[in-house]
N, C-alpha and C. Protein backbone atom coordinates (compact mmCIF):
# COMPACT_ATOMS: atom_id res chain seq x y z
N MET A 1 139.53 103.93 30.03
CA MET A 1 138.94 104.13 30.91
C MET A 1 140.38 103.07 32.64
N THR A 2 140.05 101.94 31.68
CA THR A 2 140.86 101.31 33.25
C THR A 2 142.74 102.34 33.83
N SER A 3 142.53 102.93 32.05
CA SER A 3 144.10 103.55 32.39
C SER A 3 144.34 104.68 33.34
N LEU A 4 142.65 105.03 33.57
CA LEU A 4 142.78 105.83 34.53
C LEU A 4 142.58 106.13 36.25
N PRO A 5 143.52 107.46 37.30
CA PRO A 5 143.47 106.82 38.62
C PRO A 5 141.90 106.56 38.88
N ARG A 6 142.51 104.88 40.25
CA ARG A 6 141.35 105.32 41.11
C ARG A 6 139.90 105.38 41.49
N ALA A 7 140.82 106.96 41.79
CA ALA A 7 139.30 108.14 41.97
C ALA A 7 139.02 108.81 40.31
N GLU A 8 139.96 108.44 40.12
CA GLU A 8 138.81 109.14 38.83
C GLU A 8 138.44 108.56 37.44
N GLN A 9 138.60 107.07 38.12
CA GLN A 9 137.25 105.74 37.00
C GLN A 9 135.94 106.19 38.22
N ASN A 10 135.88 105.72 39.33
CA ASN A 10 134.91 106.23 40.22
C ASN A 10 134.13 107.24 40.13
N ALA A 11 134.73 108.47 38.93
CA ALA A 11 134.28 110.18 39.43
C ALA A 11 132.75 109.80 38.76
N GLU A 12 131.77 110.69 39.46
CA GLU A 12 130.04 110.75 38.64
C GLU A 12 130.36 110.40 37.26
N HIS A 13 131.32 111.19 36.51
CA HIS A 13 131.33 111.12 35.37
C HIS A 13 131.92 110.20 33.59
N TRP A 14 131.72 108.73 35.02
CA TRP A 14 131.76 108.26 34.40
C TRP A 14 131.70 106.86 34.08
N ARG A 15 130.38 107.17 34.86
CA ARG A 15 129.33 106.63 36.00
C ARG A 15 128.63 105.76 34.82
N PRO A 16 127.96 106.94 33.48
CA PRO A 16 127.01 105.80 32.25
C PRO A 16 128.15 105.43 31.91
N ALA A 17 128.66 105.44 30.78
CA ALA A 17 130.30 105.27 30.18
C ALA A 17 130.32 103.78 30.60
N ALA A 18 131.00 103.81 31.89
CA ALA A 18 130.92 102.42 32.85
C ALA A 18 129.68 101.51 32.83
N THR A 19 128.75 102.24 32.81
CA THR A 19 127.61 101.48 32.92
C THR A 19 127.23 100.72 31.05
N LEU A 20 126.88 101.09 30.00
CA LEU A 20 126.40 101.38 29.00
C LEU A 20 128.19 100.30 28.42
N LEU A 21 129.76 100.58 28.39
CA LEU A 21 129.84 99.43 27.60
C LEU A 21 129.97 98.16 28.50
N GLY A 22 129.20 97.83 29.65
CA GLY A 22 128.79 97.19 30.19
C GLY A 22 127.95 95.55 30.28
N ILE A 23 127.62 96.71 29.29
CA ILE A 23 126.01 96.81 29.43
C ILE A 23 126.20 95.64 27.77
N ILE A 24 126.86 96.36 26.66
CA ILE A 24 126.45 96.55 25.63
C ILE A 24 128.52 94.71 25.27
N GLY A 25 128.84 94.32 26.34
CA GLY A 25 129.98 94.58 26.17
C GLY A 25 129.01 92.30 27.14
N GLU A 26 127.78 92.95 27.47
CA GLU A 26 126.96 91.87 27.57
C GLU A 26 126.26 90.62 26.93
N ASN A 27 125.98 91.57 26.25
CA ASN A 27 124.53 91.38 25.58
C ASN A 27 124.07 91.95 24.47
N GLY A 28 126.10 93.09 23.95
CA GLY A 28 126.09 93.12 22.12
C GLY A 28 124.30 94.40 22.34
N GLY A 29 125.37 95.11 21.13
CA GLY A 29 123.62 96.76 21.59
C GLY A 29 124.18 97.68 21.23
N CYS A 30 123.67 99.17 20.95
CA CYS A 30 123.82 100.18 20.64
C CYS A 30 125.16 100.97 20.42
N VAL A 31 126.84 100.85 19.66
CA VAL A 31 127.68 100.99 20.36
C VAL A 31 128.11 102.58 20.73
N VAL A 32 126.50 103.08 19.42
CA VAL A 32 127.11 105.15 19.49
C VAL A 32 125.66 105.60 21.26
N PHE A 33 125.28 104.51 21.81
CA PHE A 33 125.01 105.47 23.16
C PHE A 33 126.24 105.34 23.93
N ALA A 34 126.88 104.24 23.45
CA ALA A 34 128.19 103.90 24.88
C ALA A 34 129.43 105.41 24.17
N ARG A 35 129.23 104.85 23.17
CA ARG A 35 130.28 106.57 23.21
C ARG A 35 130.14 108.04 23.20
N LEU A 36 128.39 108.31 23.30
CA LEU A 36 128.43 109.50 23.84
C LEU A 36 128.87 108.66 25.42
N ALA A 37 128.55 107.87 25.73
CA ALA A 37 128.72 108.07 27.63
C ALA A 37 130.66 108.69 27.75
N VAL A 38 131.05 107.97 26.08
CA VAL A 38 132.28 108.65 27.04
C VAL A 38 132.77 109.46 26.61
N MET A 39 132.07 109.67 25.12
CA MET A 39 132.49 112.03 25.42
C MET A 39 132.67 112.80 26.71
N TYR A 40 131.22 111.99 26.80
CA TYR A 40 130.60 112.77 28.30
C TYR A 40 131.56 113.03 29.24
N GLY A 41 132.10 112.06 29.08
CA GLY A 41 133.19 111.27 31.08
C GLY A 41 134.53 112.24 29.87
N LEU A 42 134.10 112.63 28.99
CA LEU A 42 136.61 113.00 28.49
C LEU A 42 136.07 114.40 28.53
N ARG A 43 134.93 114.78 29.15
CA ARG A 43 134.82 116.67 28.97
C ARG A 43 134.88 116.72 31.16
N LYS A 44 134.83 115.19 30.88
CA LYS A 44 134.58 115.65 32.89
C LYS A 44 132.82 115.73 33.77
N GLY A 45 131.67 115.60 32.44
CA GLY A 45 130.74 116.37 32.84
C GLY A 45 130.38 117.28 32.54
N ALA A 46 130.54 117.72 31.48
CA ALA A 46 130.54 119.45 31.10
C ALA A 46 129.51 118.87 29.68
N GLN A 47 127.93 120.31 29.96
CA GLN A 47 127.53 120.35 28.91
C GLN A 47 128.09 121.18 28.06
N PRO A 48 127.61 121.12 27.02
CA PRO A 48 128.52 121.64 25.57
C PRO A 48 126.72 122.43 25.37
N GLU A 49 128.10 124.24 25.75
CA GLU A 49 126.67 125.11 25.89
C GLU A 49 126.27 125.49 23.97
N PRO A 50 125.53 126.03 23.89
CA PRO A 50 124.57 125.96 22.54
C PRO A 50 124.83 127.01 22.37
N PRO A 51 125.07 126.79 21.03
CA PRO A 51 126.12 127.70 19.66
C PRO A 51 125.27 129.08 19.62
N GLU A 52 126.56 130.55 19.72
CA GLU A 52 125.70 132.19 20.18
C GLU A 52 124.95 131.84 18.29
N PRO A 53 124.24 132.46 18.70
CA PRO A 53 123.35 132.43 17.17
C PRO A 53 123.57 134.01 16.15
N ASP A 54 124.36 133.72 14.99
CA ASP A 54 125.66 134.84 13.95
C ASP A 54 124.34 135.46 13.79
N PRO A 55 124.56 137.30 13.96
CA PRO A 55 124.10 137.67 13.18
C PRO A 55 123.45 138.10 11.86
N SER A 56 125.22 137.56 11.78
CA SER A 56 125.78 138.58 10.13
C SER A 56 124.90 136.68 9.36
N LYS A 57 124.30 135.92 9.51
CA LYS A 57 123.64 135.34 8.63
C LYS A 57 122.91 136.03 8.27
N LYS A 58 122.22 134.99 7.05
CA LYS A 58 121.54 135.88 5.58
C LYS A 58 120.03 135.26 6.54
N THR A 59 118.67 136.85 6.19
CA THR A 59 117.61 136.76 7.18
C THR A 59 117.05 135.93 5.34
N THR A 60 115.75 134.73 6.19
CA THR A 60 114.81 134.75 5.33
C THR A 60 114.28 134.84 4.42
N HIS A 61 113.99 135.07 3.56
CA HIS A 61 112.16 135.91 2.96
C HIS A 61 110.61 136.18 3.25
N TRP A 62 110.13 134.33 3.99
CA TRP A 62 109.94 134.19 4.56
C TRP A 62 108.63 135.65 4.99
N GLY A 63 107.80 136.62 5.03
CA GLY A 63 107.50 137.19 5.94
C GLY A 63 106.93 138.08 5.08
N LYS A 64 107.85 138.48 3.87
CA LYS A 64 108.67 139.44 3.63
C LYS A 64 108.06 139.72 1.36
N ARG A 65 106.25 138.09 1.04
CA ARG A 65 106.93 137.81 0.04
C ARG A 65 105.61 138.65 -0.01
N LYS A 66 105.48 139.29 -1.41
CA LYS A 66 103.99 140.25 -1.27
C LYS A 66 103.40 139.71 -2.55
N LEU A 67 101.24 139.67 -1.56
CA LEU A 67 100.70 138.60 -2.59
C LEU A 67 100.65 139.04 -3.75
N LYS A 68 100.21 139.00 -4.29
CA LYS A 68 98.62 139.50 -5.37
C LYS A 68 98.00 140.51 -5.46
N ARG A 69 97.31 140.40 -3.56
CA ARG A 69 95.68 141.04 -3.77
C ARG A 69 97.13 142.60 -3.49
N ASP A 70 98.16 142.23 -3.05
CA ASP A 70 98.38 143.18 -1.93
C ASP A 70 99.20 144.21 -3.42
N ALA A 71 99.29 143.98 -4.58
CA ALA A 71 99.64 144.62 -5.71
C ALA A 71 98.53 145.64 -6.54
């Protein structure tokens, strides 16, 4: 983050990463959240799109079983 131009460093999508990295640097803590914030910043704040459902996947058998009483 420090190698970015000053305008890019001050962008809104880098603020969570900078805040979390500062907190972890001072107090220690969970690095996973800081990593997620950095990844969010690298994507320039774009939210990931949910994956499209694949219609070719096998359907489950739930609801298709025959019960003893139906036989």
